[in-house]
Amino acid sequence: MAATLLGFGLLATACASGGSTPDNPAAAAASEAAAANINNLQQSSNVLDIELLDVTDGSVATLREAVDGDRPVLIWFWSPH
């Protein structure tokens, strides 16, 4: 029973964390920039030219610009968040 309660507590804590706080102007600005840029992303038939949204600052870059080729990259086009 204690293990179950601990598990639910950890799950609740993990689900409650994250998001920007109103007192963090940098996070609010990044969120606004991401919201503005998400509708302008361009698709391409060439995987390297697909545009990506950097959710930390709201900037847009292509996969070609973001990856330098020194290590393997996992391309995940869907996110459960």
N, C-alpha and C. Protein backbone atom coordinates (compact mmCIF):
# COMPACT_ATOMS: atom_id res chain seq x y z
N MET A 1 0.82 -1.18 0.00
CA MET A 1 0.00 0.00 0.00
C MET A 1 0.88 1.26 0.00
N ALA A 2 1.94 1.22 0.79
CA ALA A 2 2.84 2.38 0.86
C ALA A 2 3.52 2.62 -0.49
N ALA A 3 3.89 1.54 -1.17
CA ALA A 3 4.53 1.68 -2.48
C ALA A 3 3.57 2.28 -3.49
N THR A 4 2.32 1.89 -3.42
CA THR A 4 1.30 2.44 -4.34
C THR A 4 1.11 3.93 -4.09
N LEU A 5 1.01 4.33 -2.83
CA LEU A 5 0.87 5.74 -2.51
C LEU A 5 2.09 6.55 -2.94
N LEU A 6 3.27 5.98 -2.74
CA LEU A 6 4.49 6.66 -3.18
C LEU A 6 4.50 6.82 -4.69
N GLY A 7 4.07 5.78 -5.40
CA GLY A 7 4.02 5.85 -6.86
C GLY A 7 3.05 6.92 -7.34
N PHE A 8 1.87 6.99 -6.73
CA PHE A 8 0.91 8.03 -7.11
C PHE A 8 1.43 9.42 -6.77
N GLY A 9 2.14 9.53 -5.67
CA GLY A 9 2.73 10.82 -5.29
C GLY A 9 3.77 11.28 -6.30
N LEU A 10 4.61 10.36 -6.74
CA LEU A 10 5.62 10.70 -7.75
C LEU A 10 4.96 11.07 -9.08
N LEU A 11 3.92 10.35 -9.46
CA LEU A 11 3.21 10.64 -10.69
C LEU A 11 2.56 12.02 -10.63
N ALA A 12 1.92 12.33 -9.52
CA ALA A 12 1.28 13.64 -9.36
C ALA A 12 2.30 14.76 -9.39
N THR A 13 3.45 14.55 -8.79
CA THR A 13 4.50 15.56 -8.78
C THR A 13 5.06 15.77 -10.19
N ALA A 14 5.24 14.71 -10.94
CA ALA A 14 5.76 14.81 -12.30
C ALA A 14 4.77 15.51 -13.21
N CYS A 15 3.49 15.25 -13.04
CA CYS A 15 2.47 15.87 -13.88
C CYS A 15 2.28 17.34 -13.55
N ALA A 16 2.54 17.73 -12.34
CA ALA A 16 2.32 19.11 -11.92
C ALA A 16 3.49 20.02 -12.26
N SER A 17 4.66 19.47 -12.54
CA SER A 17 5.82 20.31 -12.81
C SER A 17 5.82 20.77 -14.25
N GLY A 18 6.62 21.79 -14.52
CA GLY A 18 6.77 22.29 -15.87
C GLY A 18 5.91 23.52 -16.10
N GLY A 19 6.04 24.08 -17.30
CA GLY A 19 5.28 25.27 -17.64
C GLY A 19 6.02 26.52 -17.21
N SER A 20 5.64 27.63 -17.80
CA SER A 20 6.29 28.88 -17.44
C SER A 20 5.49 29.57 -16.35
N THR A 21 6.19 30.24 -15.51
CA THR A 21 5.53 30.98 -14.45
C THR A 21 5.35 32.42 -14.88
N PRO A 22 4.32 33.08 -14.42
CA PRO A 22 4.08 34.46 -14.83
C PRO A 22 5.20 35.41 -14.42
N ASP A 23 5.95 35.07 -13.36
CA ASP A 23 7.01 35.97 -12.91
C ASP A 23 8.33 35.75 -13.65
N ASN A 24 8.35 34.92 -14.69
CA ASN A 24 9.55 34.67 -15.48
C ASN A 24 9.36 35.29 -16.86
N PRO A 25 9.82 36.53 -17.07
CA PRO A 25 9.59 37.20 -18.35
C PRO A 25 10.27 36.52 -19.53
N ALA A 26 11.41 35.87 -19.33
CA ALA A 26 12.09 35.19 -20.43
C ALA A 26 11.26 34.00 -20.91
N ALA A 27 10.69 33.26 -19.98
CA ALA A 27 9.86 32.11 -20.35
C ALA A 27 8.58 32.58 -21.04
N ALA A 28 8.01 33.68 -20.58
CA ALA A 28 6.80 34.21 -21.21
C ALA A 28 7.09 34.68 -22.63
N ALA A 29 8.23 35.34 -22.84
CA ALA A 29 8.61 35.81 -24.18
C ALA A 29 8.86 34.63 -25.11
N ALA A 30 9.52 33.59 -24.62
CA ALA A 30 9.78 32.40 -25.44
C ALA A 30 8.48 31.71 -25.80
N SER A 31 7.55 31.66 -24.87
CA SER A 31 6.25 31.04 -25.13
C SER A 31 5.47 31.82 -26.19
N GLU A 32 5.51 33.14 -26.12
CA GLU A 32 4.84 33.97 -27.12
C GLU A 32 5.48 33.82 -28.49
N ALA A 33 6.81 33.76 -28.55
CA ALA A 33 7.51 33.60 -29.82
C ALA A 33 7.21 32.23 -30.43
N ALA A 34 7.17 31.20 -29.60
CA ALA A 34 6.86 29.86 -30.09
C ALA A 34 5.44 29.80 -30.63
N ALA A 35 4.50 30.43 -29.92
CA ALA A 35 3.11 30.43 -30.37
C ALA A 35 2.96 31.18 -31.70
N ALA A 36 3.72 32.25 -31.88
CA ALA A 36 3.66 33.02 -33.12
C ALA A 36 4.29 32.26 -34.29
N ASN A 37 5.36 31.52 -34.02
CA ASN A 37 6.09 30.84 -35.10
C ASN A 37 5.54 29.47 -35.46
N ILE A 38 4.76 28.86 -34.61
CA ILE A 38 4.34 27.48 -34.86
C ILE A 38 3.45 27.37 -36.10
N ASN A 39 2.67 28.39 -36.40
CA ASN A 39 1.80 28.34 -37.58
C ASN A 39 2.53 28.65 -38.87
N ASN A 40 3.76 29.14 -38.79
CA ASN A 40 4.52 29.51 -39.98
C ASN A 40 5.57 28.48 -40.38
N LEU A 41 5.62 27.34 -39.70
CA LEU A 41 6.61 26.31 -40.03
C LEU A 41 6.30 25.73 -41.41
N GLN A 42 7.35 25.52 -42.20
CA GLN A 42 7.21 25.00 -43.56
C GLN A 42 7.60 23.54 -43.62
N GLN A 43 6.83 22.76 -44.36
CA GLN A 43 7.16 21.37 -44.59
C GLN A 43 7.99 21.26 -45.86
N SER A 44 8.69 20.16 -46.01
CA SER A 44 9.53 19.95 -47.18
C SER A 44 9.60 18.46 -47.47
N SER A 45 9.80 18.13 -48.74
CA SER A 45 9.96 16.72 -49.09
C SER A 45 11.37 16.23 -48.73
N ASN A 46 12.31 17.14 -48.54
CA ASN A 46 13.65 16.80 -48.11
C ASN A 46 13.70 16.91 -46.58
N VAL A 47 14.02 15.83 -45.91
CA VAL A 47 14.02 15.79 -44.45
C VAL A 47 14.93 16.87 -43.86
N LEU A 48 16.03 17.15 -44.49
CA LEU A 48 16.98 18.13 -43.95
C LEU A 48 16.45 19.56 -44.00
N ASP A 49 15.44 19.82 -44.83
CA ASP A 49 14.90 21.17 -44.96
C ASP A 49 13.60 21.38 -44.16
N ILE A 50 13.21 20.40 -43.36
CA ILE A 50 12.03 20.56 -42.51
C ILE A 50 12.35 21.58 -41.43
N GLU A 51 11.43 22.51 -41.20
CA GLU A 51 11.65 23.53 -40.18
C GLU A 51 11.27 23.00 -38.81
N LEU A 52 12.08 23.37 -37.83
CA LEU A 52 11.90 22.95 -36.45
C LEU A 52 11.65 24.17 -35.59
N LEU A 53 10.86 23.99 -34.55
CA LEU A 53 10.60 25.05 -33.59
C LEU A 53 11.36 24.75 -32.31
N ASP A 54 12.22 25.67 -31.92
CA ASP A 54 12.94 25.53 -30.65
C ASP A 54 12.03 26.08 -29.55
N VAL A 55 11.50 25.19 -28.71
CA VAL A 55 10.53 25.61 -27.71
C VAL A 55 11.16 26.39 -26.56
N THR A 56 12.49 26.38 -26.45
CA THR A 56 13.12 27.14 -25.38
C THR A 56 13.15 28.64 -25.65
N ASP A 57 13.27 29.02 -26.94
CA ASP A 57 13.30 30.45 -27.24
C ASP A 57 12.36 30.86 -28.37
N GLY A 58 11.67 29.91 -28.99
CA GLY A 58 10.69 30.23 -30.03
C GLY A 58 11.27 30.43 -31.41
N SER A 59 12.56 30.20 -31.57
CA SER A 59 13.18 30.40 -32.89
C SER A 59 12.89 29.22 -33.82
N VAL A 60 13.04 29.47 -35.11
CA VAL A 60 12.81 28.46 -36.14
C VAL A 60 14.12 28.19 -36.86
N ALA A 61 14.42 26.91 -37.09
CA ALA A 61 15.62 26.51 -37.82
C ALA A 61 15.28 25.26 -38.62
N THR A 62 16.08 24.97 -39.63
CA THR A 62 15.89 23.73 -40.37
C THR A 62 16.71 22.63 -39.69
N LEU A 63 16.37 21.40 -40.00
CA LEU A 63 17.11 20.28 -39.45
C LEU A 63 18.57 20.35 -39.89
N ARG A 64 18.81 20.81 -41.11
CA ARG A 64 20.17 20.97 -41.63
C ARG A 64 20.98 21.93 -40.76
N GLU A 65 20.34 22.99 -40.26
CA GLU A 65 21.03 23.96 -39.41
C GLU A 65 21.21 23.46 -37.98
N ALA A 66 20.28 22.62 -37.52
CA ALA A 66 20.30 22.19 -36.12
C ALA A 66 21.23 21.00 -35.87
N VAL A 67 21.47 20.18 -36.88
CA VAL A 67 22.26 18.96 -36.70
C VAL A 67 23.58 19.11 -37.44
N ASP A 68 24.68 18.79 -36.75
CA ASP A 68 25.98 18.92 -37.39
C ASP A 68 26.53 17.61 -37.93
N GLY A 69 25.90 16.48 -37.64
CA GLY A 69 26.32 15.19 -38.19
C GLY A 69 27.35 14.44 -37.38
N ASP A 70 27.71 14.95 -36.21
CA ASP A 70 28.71 14.29 -35.38
C ASP A 70 28.16 13.10 -34.59
N ARG A 71 26.85 13.06 -34.40
CA ARG A 71 26.25 11.96 -33.64
C ARG A 71 24.86 11.65 -34.21
N PRO A 72 24.36 10.46 -33.92
CA PRO A 72 23.05 10.06 -34.44
C PRO A 72 21.93 10.95 -33.88
N VAL A 73 20.87 11.10 -34.66
CA VAL A 73 19.73 11.93 -34.27
C VAL A 73 18.45 11.11 -34.41
N LEU A 74 17.62 11.17 -33.40
CA LEU A 74 16.30 10.54 -33.46
C LEU A 74 15.31 11.61 -33.89
N ILE A 75 14.62 11.36 -34.99
CA ILE A 75 13.63 12.31 -35.49
C ILE A 75 12.26 11.82 -35.03
N TRP A 76 11.62 12.62 -34.19
CA TRP A 76 10.32 12.25 -33.62
C TRP A 76 9.34 13.36 -33.99
N PHE A 77 8.41 13.06 -34.89
CA PHE A 77 7.50 14.06 -35.41
C PHE A 77 6.21 14.17 -34.61
N TRP A 78 6.12 13.47 -33.52
CA TRP A 78 4.92 13.53 -32.70
C TRP A 78 5.35 13.54 -31.25
N SER A 79 4.70 14.33 -30.46
CA SER A 79 5.04 14.40 -29.05
C SER A 79 3.79 14.24 -28.21
N PRO A 80 3.84 13.43 -27.18
CA PRO A 80 2.66 13.20 -26.36
C PRO A 80 2.34 14.32 -25.39
N HIS A 81 3.07 15.40 -25.40
CA HIS A 81 2.84 16.47 -24.41
C HIS A 81 1.73 17.37 -24.84
